[in-house]
Protein backbone atom coordinates (compact mmCIF):
# COMPACT_ATOMS: atom_id res chain seq x y z
CA MET A 1 225.40 120.68 71.29
CA HIS A 2 223.57 117.51 72.09
CA ARG A 3 223.59 114.43 69.98
CA ARG A 4 220.17 112.77 69.54
CA LEU A 5 220.42 108.95 70.05
CA PRO A 6 217.85 106.66 68.11
CA PRO A 7 215.25 104.84 70.11
CA GLN A 8 216.19 101.38 71.66
CA ASN A 9 213.44 99.82 69.79
CA LEU A 10 214.42 101.01 66.41
CA SER A 11 216.31 98.49 64.43
CA PHE A 12 218.91 99.22 61.83
CA ARG A 13 219.52 97.11 58.80
CA LEU A 14 222.95 97.04 57.13
CA GLU A 15 222.63 96.52 53.44
CA VAL A 16 225.79 95.61 51.70
CA SER A 17 225.80 96.36 47.88
CA MET A 18 227.66 93.84 45.64
CA VAL A 19 229.86 95.55 43.19
CA ALA A 20 229.68 94.06 39.69
CA LYS A 21 232.93 93.04 38.65
CA TYR A 22 232.03 91.91 35.02
CA ASP A 23 230.72 94.04 32.25
CA ILE A 24 229.23 92.64 29.10
CA PHE A 25 229.76 94.23 25.94
CA LYS A 26 228.30 93.62 22.43
CA THR A 27 230.70 94.40 19.44
CA THR A 28 228.83 95.21 16.14
CA ASN A 29 230.15 97.22 13.10
CA GLY A 30 233.37 98.14 14.78
CA SER A 31 231.94 99.80 17.81
CA VAL A 32 231.49 98.37 21.26
CA VAL A 33 228.01 98.66 23.23
CA TRP A 34 227.76 97.98 27.04
CA VAL A 35 224.80 95.58 27.80
CA GLU A 36 224.89 94.94 31.45
CA ALA A 37 227.10 94.28 34.46
CA VAL A 38 227.15 90.98 36.64
CA GLU A 39 228.79 90.20 39.87
CA ASP A 40 230.53 86.73 39.22
CA ILE A 41 232.08 84.81 36.47
CA VAL A 42 229.53 81.95 36.68
CA THR A 43 226.80 84.75 36.03
CA ALA A 44 228.79 86.27 33.19
CA LYS A 45 229.26 83.01 31.54
CA LYS A 46 225.37 82.28 31.68
CA ARG A 47 224.46 85.54 30.42
CA LEU A 48 226.99 85.34 27.52
CA ILE A 49 225.46 81.96 26.54
CA SER A 50 221.98 83.24 26.79
CA LEU A 51 222.81 86.36 24.79
CA ALA A 52 224.59 84.51 22.10
CA SER A 53 221.61 82.25 21.46
CA ASP A 54 220.38 84.58 19.12
CA GLY A 55 223.10 83.67 16.73
CA THR A 56 225.48 86.41 17.23
CA ASP A 57 228.73 85.83 18.99
CA GLY A 58 230.10 89.38 19.27
CA TYR A 59 229.91 89.72 23.15
CA ARG A 60 233.01 90.24 25.37
CA ILE A 61 233.44 90.31 28.96
CA TRP A 62 235.25 92.99 30.66
CA ASP A 63 236.89 92.20 34.13
CA SER A 64 237.01 95.24 36.02
CA THR A 65 239.68 93.88 38.53
CA ARG A 66 242.07 93.03 35.87
CA GLN A 67 241.13 96.11 33.67
CA GLN A 68 240.99 93.92 30.53
CA PHE A 69 238.61 91.69 28.33
CA ILE A 70 238.69 87.91 29.23
CA ASP A 71 237.96 84.94 27.37
CA LEU A 72 235.60 82.99 29.52
CA MET A 73 236.22 79.63 28.11
CA GLU A 74 239.84 80.11 29.14
CA ASP A 75 239.13 81.41 32.83
CA CYS A 76 236.38 78.80 33.45
CA ALA A 77 238.37 75.76 32.33
């Protein structure tokens, strides 16, 4: 069985996918609803501020590496 090699002039591009480390959840009426995932703590904080600008503050951040909800003000200080 022969393996076919790619042509010399064919270029390959390696794409690395970033894994989202933080999930944003909204808590309403005793339930928790997933909103979105972000890759870093800075983006998580910006999104939390943006989402909370509608007057609700029921958003929480889940850190997938720690497997727990975190307090961004505490972690970013």
